Amino acid sequence: MTPIVDVFEGLGIALASGLLIGMERGWQTRRTPEGGKVAGIRTFGLIGLLGGLWGLIGQQAGQLVMGLGFIALTILVTSAYLGSLRATRDYGATTVVAALVAFSLGALALLGFETVAAAGAVVTTVLLGLKPTLHRWLEHLEREELFAVLKLLLISVVLLPVLPDQGYGPWQALNPFALWWMVVLIAGVSSVGYFAVKAAGPAAGTLFTGLAGGLASSTAVTLSFSRLARGRSALRPLLAAGILIASATMFPRILVEVAVVNHRLVWPLAVPMLAMTGVTAAAGLWLWRRRRGELGAEVALSNPFELATAVQFGLFLALIMLLAAGVREWLGTKGLYALAAASGIADVDAITLSMARLAKDQVSPDVAVDCIVLAATVNTLVKGVLVGIIARGAMLARVGGALAAAALVAGAWFALT
């Protein structure tokens, strides 16, 4: 027998869930004449409470009774919707579905899933309230991006679970499951920056563009802003700030990747990564405060969900993992340092993920941390070289000092450890 206190707690959550969803639905239809709504805040509250009561009855009478109650509510709400349809000509069925969700959440609250019911109510309400934002996002979503997302989801969600989770090839260095899982990880992190920049556009300003673009690719931001700086002396402090903010974003991104693959490396890496973040971010913010403004062009970022891009990164990651295993076998630790430095010229993600994985059972955590910091340092210096080649001296003077300071911080960390 369920304690009476638990029953009232569950009924309270059921009622609150219905009222929360009903508040959003009532606000959306607040200008609809009385009698023209399928359900308002009071009705939704009652539906949530009804779900809770029916869940309590179902505990005693069985799941069949629960199913019959859900069917009866579906018929009732659908009938009300059809009646409203004749008057309003509003063919949206969101309110009907929301009512069924409210009933289900109310039932869950009485079946022992109070946390799930409460969280479900909040998520449902947020989703309902995001209608304009979601519709606007869909309007700006290009066909190629949509199909790229669907293809990558198909390959990751369908293919990933069936890939063998064991080593193949020389030194058993190639694990298909681990390789593709890390590809999906990088695509997911990069997508946050890509779609953030795409949604906000250049009007968001350099600070946000550099921050979000750095999640996708700080090197791409560096190249784009360096090109924009040519012949635009007034914008150079602003663009230099964007490059530094994007570069600063790379270091926390490395920490996130390491935390997912091998959380034991996070604390040893935190000191150098956060110190380098602080140096570059402080310089970027200082430049940004001196000359605020908006960008006049889009940042050239490639779609991180593009299947070809994902496969290319997977092949590059496989090469790095194979080389790391071979170098460790042939040359020992010194060879890994050389590989990390060479990899950092082009990309930090592949060597970061490889070292984090190797640190589980094949190399010492200290060596893995050193290699990751070394790759990040080399990549930071390479950005300065790119700025100098593309945008020349004036831009390099603004960016180079901060990037060199970040490299010196890494050098000091190496000396102290």
Protein backbone atom coordinates (compact mmCIF):
# COMPACT_ATOMS: atom_id res chain seq x y z
CA MET A 1 0.00 0.00 0.00
CA THR A 2 1.45 3.39 -1.02
CA PRO A 3 1.91 5.75 1.95
CA ILE A 4 -0.65 8.57 1.93
CA VAL A 5 2.09 11.21 2.02
CA ASP A 6 3.61 9.80 -1.19
CA VAL A 7 0.16 9.76 -2.81
CA PHE A 8 -0.42 13.45 -2.09
CA GLU A 9 3.10 14.30 -3.23
CA GLY A 10 2.52 12.50 -6.52
CA LEU A 11 -0.86 14.16 -7.01
CA GLY A 12 0.73 17.54 -6.32
CA ILE A 13 3.38 16.94 -8.98
CA ALA A 14 0.70 15.73 -11.41
CA LEU A 15 -1.38 18.86 -10.84
CA ALA A 16 1.66 21.16 -11.06
CA SER A 17 2.78 19.49 -14.31
CA GLY A 18 -0.61 20.07 -15.89
CA LEU A 19 -0.78 23.68 -14.68
CA LEU A 20 2.72 24.40 -16.01
CA ILE A 21 1.90 23.11 -19.49
CA GLY A 22 -1.52 24.79 -19.32
CA MET A 23 0.07 28.13 -18.45
CA GLU A 24 2.03 28.10 -21.69
CA ARG A 25 -0.96 26.91 -23.74
CA GLY A 26 -3.21 29.49 -22.09
CA TRP A 27 -0.73 32.27 -22.83
CA GLN A 28 -0.51 31.23 -26.50
CA THR A 29 -4.32 31.33 -26.86
CA ARG A 30 -4.95 34.27 -24.51
CA ARG A 31 -6.68 36.29 -27.25
CA THR A 32 -8.93 33.42 -28.33
CA PRO A 33 -12.59 34.09 -27.37
CA GLU A 34 -13.98 32.15 -24.43
CA GLY A 35 -15.25 28.79 -25.61
CA GLY A 36 -12.95 28.72 -28.62
CA LYS A 37 -10.05 26.98 -26.86
CA VAL A 38 -9.56 23.22 -26.75
CA ALA A 39 -8.04 23.53 -23.28
CA GLY A 40 -6.69 26.28 -21.03
CA ILE A 41 -4.70 26.42 -17.82
CA ARG A 42 -7.54 25.05 -15.66
CA THR A 43 -8.30 22.20 -18.05
CA PHE A 44 -4.65 21.24 -18.31
CA GLY A 45 -4.34 21.27 -14.53
CA LEU A 46 -7.32 18.95 -14.30
CA ILE A 47 -5.90 16.70 -17.02
CA GLY A 48 -2.63 16.38 -15.11
CA LEU A 49 -4.53 15.63 -11.91
CA LEU A 50 -6.71 13.13 -13.78
CA GLY A 51 -3.57 11.38 -15.00
CA GLY A 52 -2.36 11.17 -11.41
CA LEU A 53 -5.68 9.77 -10.16
CA TRP A 54 -5.80 7.29 -13.02
CA GLY A 55 -2.24 6.23 -12.21
CA LEU A 56 -3.34 5.59 -8.63
CA ILE A 57 -6.33 3.55 -9.86
CA GLY A 58 -4.09 1.69 -12.30
CA GLN A 59 -1.83 0.57 -9.47
CA GLN A 60 -4.79 -1.28 -8.00
CA ALA A 61 -6.73 -2.31 -11.13
CA GLY A 62 -3.88 -3.05 -13.56
CA GLN A 63 -2.36 -1.60 -16.71
CA LEU A 64 -5.43 -2.34 -18.85
CA VAL A 65 -7.41 0.25 -16.92
CA MET A 66 -4.60 2.78 -17.50
CA GLY A 67 -4.76 2.13 -21.23
CA LEU A 68 -8.54 2.52 -21.33
CA GLY A 69 -8.29 5.82 -19.47
CA PHE A 70 -5.75 7.13 -21.98
CA ILE A 71 -7.95 6.07 -24.91
CA ALA A 72 -10.99 7.75 -23.36
CA LEU A 73 -9.08 11.01 -22.88
CA THR A 74 -7.79 10.84 -26.45
CA ILE A 75 -11.37 10.53 -27.77
CA LEU A 76 -12.56 13.38 -25.57
CA VAL A 77 -9.76 15.80 -26.46
CA THR A 78 -9.95 14.93 -30.16
CA SER A 79 -13.69 15.61 -30.17
CA ALA A 80 -13.10 18.99 -28.55
CA TYR A 81 -10.41 19.73 -31.13
CA LEU A 82 -12.71 18.86 -34.05
CA GLY A 83 -15.42 21.09 -32.60
CA SER A 84 -12.96 23.97 -32.26
CA LEU A 85 -11.64 23.35 -35.75
CA ARG A 86 -14.97 24.25 -37.36
CA ALA A 87 -14.93 27.64 -35.66
CA THR A 88 -11.24 28.63 -35.81
CA ARG A 89 -9.90 26.76 -38.87
CA ASP A 90 -6.72 26.23 -36.86
CA TYR A 91 -5.37 22.85 -37.94
CA GLY A 92 -2.57 22.72 -35.37
CA ALA A 93 -2.87 19.67 -33.11
CA THR A 94 -0.20 20.75 -30.60
CA THR A 95 -2.68 21.39 -27.79
CA VAL A 96 -4.23 17.94 -28.21
CA VAL A 97 -0.84 16.24 -28.02
CA ALA A 98 0.15 18.44 -25.06
CA ALA A 99 -3.00 17.34 -23.21
CA LEU A 100 -2.10 13.67 -23.71
CA VAL A 101 1.44 14.39 -22.50
CA ALA A 102 0.07 16.13 -19.39
CA PHE A 103 -2.11 13.10 -18.62
CA SER A 104 0.85 10.73 -19.08
CA LEU A 105 3.13 12.83 -16.86
CA GLY A 106 0.45 12.89 -14.18
CA ALA A 107 0.25 9.11 -14.30
CA LEU A 108 4.04 8.79 -14.08
CA ALA A 109 4.06 10.94 -10.96
CA LEU A 110 1.84 8.37 -9.18
CA LEU A 111 3.75 5.38 -10.50
CA GLY A 112 6.94 6.35 -8.69
CA PHE A 113 8.58 8.49 -11.38
CA GLU A 114 8.12 11.90 -9.77
CA THR A 115 11.44 13.31 -11.01
CA VAL A 116 10.78 12.13 -14.56
CA ALA A 117 7.28 13.66 -14.47
CA ALA A 118 8.52 17.02 -13.20
CA ALA A 119 11.40 17.16 -15.67
CA GLY A 120 9.09 16.09 -18.50
CA ALA A 121 6.68 18.91 -17.67
CA VAL A 122 9.46 21.50 -17.76
CA VAL A 123 10.90 20.18 -21.03
CA THR A 124 7.43 20.03 -22.61
CA THR A 125 6.66 23.61 -21.60
CA VAL A 126 10.00 24.89 -22.90
CA LEU A 127 9.50 23.03 -26.18
CA LEU A 128 6.03 24.52 -26.60
CA GLY A 129 7.33 28.01 -25.88
CA LEU A 130 10.16 27.67 -28.39
CA LYS A 131 7.78 27.43 -31.36
CA PRO A 132 8.82 30.77 -32.99
CA THR A 133 12.51 30.05 -32.46
CA LEU A 134 12.30 26.51 -33.82
CA HIS A 135 10.29 27.60 -36.85
CA ARG A 136 12.76 30.41 -37.57
CA TRP A 137 15.65 27.95 -37.24
CA LEU A 138 14.00 25.58 -39.72
CA GLU A 139 13.48 28.43 -42.17
CA HIS A 140 17.21 29.16 -42.15
CA LEU A 141 18.29 25.51 -42.24
CA GLU A 142 19.68 24.69 -45.65
CA ARG A 143 18.78 21.47 -47.42
CA GLU A 144 22.38 20.28 -47.44
CA GLU A 145 22.69 20.84 -43.70
CA LEU A 146 19.49 18.95 -42.99
CA PHE A 147 20.57 15.92 -45.01
CA ALA A 148 24.08 16.05 -43.57
CA VAL A 149 22.61 15.89 -40.06
CA LEU A 150 20.33 13.01 -41.01
CA LYS A 151 23.15 11.05 -42.64
CA LEU A 152 25.46 11.47 -39.69
CA LEU A 153 22.69 10.54 -37.23
CA LEU A 154 21.93 7.46 -39.30
CA ILE A 155 25.54 6.36 -39.38
CA SER A 156 26.20 7.13 -35.70
CA VAL A 157 22.96 5.96 -34.12
CA VAL A 158 22.49 2.93 -36.37
CA LEU A 159 26.07 1.98 -37.21
CA LEU A 160 27.93 2.87 -34.01
CA PRO A 161 26.26 0.24 -31.77
CA VAL A 162 27.14 -2.58 -34.19
CA LEU A 163 30.78 -1.63 -34.76
CA PRO A 164 33.24 -4.05 -33.12
CA ASP A 165 34.75 -2.67 -29.93
CA GLN A 166 38.19 -4.26 -30.26
CA GLY A 167 41.58 -3.45 -31.73
CA TYR A 168 42.65 -4.29 -35.28
CA GLY A 169 45.74 -3.80 -37.38
CA PRO A 170 49.31 -3.26 -36.22
CA TRP A 171 49.64 -3.07 -32.45
CA GLN A 172 45.83 -3.46 -32.25
CA ALA A 173 45.74 0.34 -32.55
CA LEU A 174 42.55 0.70 -34.61
CA ASN A 175 39.29 0.24 -32.74
CA PRO A 176 36.34 0.90 -35.11
CA PHE A 177 33.87 1.67 -32.31
CA ALA A 178 36.23 4.05 -30.52
CA LEU A 179 37.25 5.78 -33.75
CA TRP A 180 33.72 6.52 -34.90
CA TRP A 181 32.55 7.45 -31.42
CA MET A 182 35.25 10.13 -31.27
CA VAL A 183 34.27 11.37 -34.73
CA VAL A 184 30.71 11.83 -33.47
CA LEU A 185 32.03 13.60 -30.36
CA ILE A 186 33.99 16.14 -32.38
CA ALA A 187 31.10 16.71 -34.78
CA GLY A 188 28.77 17.31 -31.84
CA VAL A 189 31.08 19.84 -30.16
CA SER A 190 31.77 21.60 -33.45
CA SER A 191 28.08 21.78 -34.30
CA VAL A 192 27.42 23.97 -31.26
CA GLY A 193 29.74 26.63 -32.61
CA TYR A 194 28.66 26.21 -36.22
CA PHE A 195 24.95 26.65 -35.60
CA ALA A 196 25.51 29.36 -32.99
CA VAL A 197 27.38 31.49 -35.54
CA LYS A 198 24.83 30.64 -38.23
CA ALA A 199 21.85 31.54 -36.03
CA ALA A 200 23.29 34.78 -34.64
CA GLY A 201 25.03 35.97 -37.78
CA PRO A 202 27.55 38.81 -37.92
CA ALA A 203 25.23 41.12 -35.96
CA ALA A 204 26.13 39.22 -32.79
CA GLY A 205 29.47 41.01 -32.75
CA THR A 206 33.03 39.82 -32.66
CA LEU A 207 32.97 38.59 -29.09
CA PHE A 208 30.18 36.06 -29.60
CA THR A 209 31.34 35.14 -33.11
CA GLY A 210 34.85 34.40 -31.88
CA LEU A 211 33.53 32.42 -28.91
CA ALA A 212 31.07 30.32 -30.89
CA GLY A 213 33.32 30.03 -33.92
CA GLY A 214 36.13 28.79 -31.70
CA LEU A 215 33.98 25.82 -30.71
CA ALA A 216 33.73 24.86 -34.37
CA SER A 217 37.25 25.74 -35.49
CA SER A 218 39.51 28.44 -34.05
CA THR A 219 41.79 28.05 -37.07
CA ALA A 220 38.90 28.78 -39.44
CA VAL A 221 38.06 31.92 -37.46
CA THR A 222 41.72 32.97 -37.60
CA LEU A 223 41.82 32.55 -41.38
CA SER A 224 38.50 34.35 -41.94
CA PHE A 225 39.31 37.31 -39.68
CA SER A 226 42.83 37.63 -41.08
CA ARG A 227 41.42 37.93 -44.59
CA LEU A 228 38.89 40.51 -43.44
CA ALA A 229 41.68 42.57 -41.87
CA ARG A 230 43.32 43.24 -45.23
CA GLY A 231 42.75 46.87 -46.16
CA ARG A 232 40.45 47.46 -43.16
CA SER A 233 42.68 49.16 -40.62
CA ALA A 234 39.73 50.45 -38.58
CA LEU A 235 38.49 46.89 -37.99
CA ARG A 236 41.82 45.34 -37.10
CA PRO A 237 41.55 45.70 -33.29
CA LEU A 238 38.06 44.20 -33.46
CA LEU A 239 39.13 41.32 -35.69
CA ALA A 240 42.24 40.69 -33.58
CA ALA A 241 39.98 40.42 -30.54
CA GLY A 242 37.86 37.84 -32.36
CA ILE A 243 40.93 35.74 -33.23
CA LEU A 244 42.13 35.78 -29.62
CA ILE A 245 38.69 34.90 -28.23
CA ALA A 246 38.43 31.99 -30.70
CA SER A 247 41.92 30.84 -29.76
CA ALA A 248 41.03 31.03 -26.07
CA THR A 249 37.99 28.84 -26.69
CA MET A 250 40.17 26.05 -28.03
CA PHE A 251 41.67 25.24 -24.61
CA PRO A 252 38.38 24.61 -22.73
CA ARG A 253 37.26 22.63 -25.76
CA ILE A 254 40.28 20.35 -25.28
CA LEU A 255 39.30 19.86 -21.65
CA VAL A 256 35.77 18.87 -22.65
CA GLU A 257 37.07 16.32 -25.17
CA VAL A 258 39.47 14.84 -22.63
CA ALA A 259 36.75 14.70 -19.96
CA VAL A 260 34.58 12.58 -22.23
CA VAL A 261 37.34 10.17 -23.29
CA ASN A 262 39.48 9.96 -20.13
CA HIS A 263 38.35 12.08 -17.19
CA ARG A 264 41.49 11.25 -15.19
CA LEU A 265 43.48 13.67 -17.36
CA VAL A 266 41.23 16.66 -16.74
CA TRP A 267 42.81 17.88 -13.51
CA PRO A 268 46.44 17.58 -14.70
CA LEU A 269 45.46 19.44 -17.89
CA ALA A 270 43.33 22.08 -16.18
CA VAL A 271 46.24 24.26 -14.98
CA PRO A 272 48.02 24.79 -18.34
CA MET A 273 44.79 24.91 -20.36
CA LEU A 274 43.06 27.42 -18.10
CA ALA A 275 46.22 29.53 -17.81
CA MET A 276 46.52 29.73 -21.60
CA THR A 277 42.81 30.51 -21.79
CA GLY A 278 43.22 33.36 -19.33
CA VAL A 279 46.11 34.97 -21.22
CA THR A 280 44.47 34.90 -24.66
CA ALA A 281 40.98 35.74 -23.42
CA ALA A 282 42.22 38.71 -21.37
CA ALA A 283 44.07 40.13 -24.37
CA GLY A 284 41.06 39.57 -26.61
CA LEU A 285 38.66 41.25 -24.19
CA TRP A 286 41.03 44.19 -23.82
CA LEU A 287 41.11 44.73 -27.58
CA TRP A 288 37.35 44.26 -27.82
CA ARG A 289 36.69 46.91 -25.17
CA ARG A 290 38.90 49.37 -27.02
CA ARG A 291 37.02 49.05 -30.29
CA ARG A 292 33.57 47.52 -30.12
CA GLY A 293 31.50 46.90 -33.20
CA GLU A 294 29.98 44.35 -35.50
CA LEU A 295 31.44 42.17 -38.20
CA GLY A 296 30.64 42.98 -41.78
CA ALA A 297 30.93 39.45 -43.15
CA GLU A 298 30.15 35.88 -42.24
CA VAL A 299 32.77 33.59 -40.74
CA ALA A 300 33.67 30.82 -43.15
CA LEU A 301 32.99 27.64 -41.19
CA SER A 302 32.42 24.29 -42.80
CA ASN A 303 29.41 22.25 -41.77
CA PRO A 304 30.66 19.90 -39.00
CA PHE A 305 27.87 17.45 -39.80
CA GLU A 306 28.99 17.01 -43.40
CA LEU A 307 29.58 13.30 -43.89
CA ALA A 308 32.70 13.77 -46.01
CA THR A 309 34.22 16.02 -43.34
CA ALA A 310 33.44 13.48 -40.62
CA VAL A 311 34.97 10.62 -42.62
CA GLN A 312 38.08 12.68 -43.37
CA PHE A 313 38.54 13.45 -39.69
CA GLY A 314 37.99 9.76 -38.89
CA LEU A 315 40.73 8.76 -41.34
CA PHE A 316 43.06 11.41 -39.93
CA LEU A 317 42.30 10.25 -36.40
CA ALA A 318 42.97 6.62 -37.40
CA LEU A 319 46.31 7.68 -38.89
CA ILE A 320 47.27 9.55 -35.71
CA MET A 321 46.29 6.60 -33.52
CA LEU A 322 48.26 4.20 -35.72
CA LEU A 323 51.29 6.50 -35.77
CA ALA A 324 51.07 7.03 -32.01
CA ALA A 325 51.13 3.28 -31.40
CA GLY A 326 53.99 2.77 -33.87
CA VAL A 327 56.05 5.70 -32.61
CA ARG A 328 55.60 4.54 -29.03
CA GLU A 329 56.79 1.07 -30.03
CA TRP A 330 59.78 2.24 -32.08
CA LEU A 331 60.93 5.50 -30.51
CA GLY A 332 59.35 5.60 -27.07
CA THR A 333 58.21 8.79 -25.35
CA LYS A 334 60.39 11.16 -27.41
CA GLY A 335 58.69 9.95 -30.56
CA LEU A 336 55.26 10.76 -29.10
CA TYR A 337 56.37 14.31 -28.39
CA ALA A 338 57.52 14.73 -31.99
CA LEU A 339 54.21 13.35 -33.25
CA ALA A 340 52.26 15.70 -30.97
CA ALA A 341 54.20 18.71 -32.21
CA ALA A 342 53.71 17.72 -35.86
CA SER A 343 50.00 17.03 -35.35
CA GLY A 344 49.46 20.38 -33.63
CA ILE A 345 50.41 22.18 -36.85
CA ALA A 346 47.18 21.07 -38.50
CA ASP A 347 44.79 19.95 -35.74
CA VAL A 348 44.63 19.46 -31.98
CA ASP A 349 41.51 17.31 -31.76
CA ALA A 350 42.99 14.14 -33.25
CA ILE A 351 46.12 14.09 -31.08
CA THR A 352 44.08 15.09 -28.01
CA LEU A 353 41.68 12.19 -28.42
CA SER A 354 44.48 9.76 -29.29
CA MET A 355 46.57 10.65 -26.24
CA ALA A 356 43.54 10.59 -23.94
CA ARG A 357 42.70 7.09 -25.12
CA LEU A 358 46.30 5.83 -24.96
CA ALA A 359 46.60 7.14 -21.41
CA LYS A 360 44.06 4.58 -20.25
CA ASP A 361 46.45 1.66 -20.49
CA GLN A 362 49.33 2.24 -22.93
CA VAL A 363 51.16 5.45 -21.98
CA SER A 364 51.53 7.26 -18.68
CA PRO A 365 49.05 10.08 -17.95
CA ASP A 366 51.96 12.53 -17.57
CA VAL A 367 53.20 11.81 -21.09
CA ALA A 368 49.68 12.15 -22.52
CA VAL A 369 49.18 15.49 -20.78
CA ASP A 370 52.55 16.76 -22.02
CA CYS A 371 51.73 15.76 -25.59
CA ILE A 372 48.33 17.46 -25.51
CA VAL A 373 49.79 20.69 -24.10
CA LEU A 374 52.59 20.58 -26.67
CA ALA A 375 50.11 20.16 -29.55
CA ALA A 376 47.97 23.04 -28.26
CA THR A 377 51.06 25.23 -27.94
CA VAL A 378 52.22 24.49 -31.47
CA ASN A 379 48.73 25.11 -32.82
CA THR A 380 48.61 28.46 -31.00
CA LEU A 381 51.89 29.55 -32.54
CA VAL A 382 50.75 28.40 -35.97
CA LYS A 383 47.76 30.77 -35.70
CA GLY A 384 50.20 33.62 -35.17
CA VAL A 385 52.12 32.57 -38.28
CA LEU A 386 48.88 32.48 -40.29
CA VAL A 387 47.97 35.99 -39.14
CA GLY A 388 51.42 37.26 -40.07
CA ILE A 389 51.27 35.70 -43.55
CA ILE A 390 47.70 36.74 -44.39
CA ALA A 391 47.14 40.04 -42.56
CA ARG A 392 50.76 41.15 -42.19
CA GLY A 393 52.47 43.25 -39.53
CA ALA A 394 49.80 45.51 -38.03
CA MET A 395 47.50 42.62 -37.28
CA LEU A 396 50.32 40.37 -36.11
CA ALA A 397 51.42 43.03 -33.62
CA ARG A 398 47.98 42.87 -31.97
CA VAL A 399 47.62 39.09 -31.99
CA GLY A 400 51.17 37.77 -31.89
CA GLY A 401 52.04 39.04 -28.44
CA ALA A 402 49.10 37.33 -26.74
CA LEU A 403 49.62 34.07 -28.61
CA ALA A 404 53.32 34.10 -27.79
CA ALA A 405 52.47 34.81 -24.15
CA ALA A 406 50.18 31.78 -24.11
CA ALA A 407 53.03 29.68 -25.51
CA LEU A 408 55.37 31.05 -22.82
CA VAL A 409 52.83 30.07 -20.16
CA ALA A 410 52.92 26.53 -21.54
CA GLY A 411 56.71 26.65 -21.56
CA ALA A 412 56.78 27.76 -17.93
CA TRP A 413 54.39 24.93 -17.04
CA PHE A 414 56.72 22.43 -18.75
CA ALA A 415 59.70 23.85 -16.85
CA LEU A 416 57.95 23.61 -13.49
CA THR A 417 56.66 20.09 -14.04
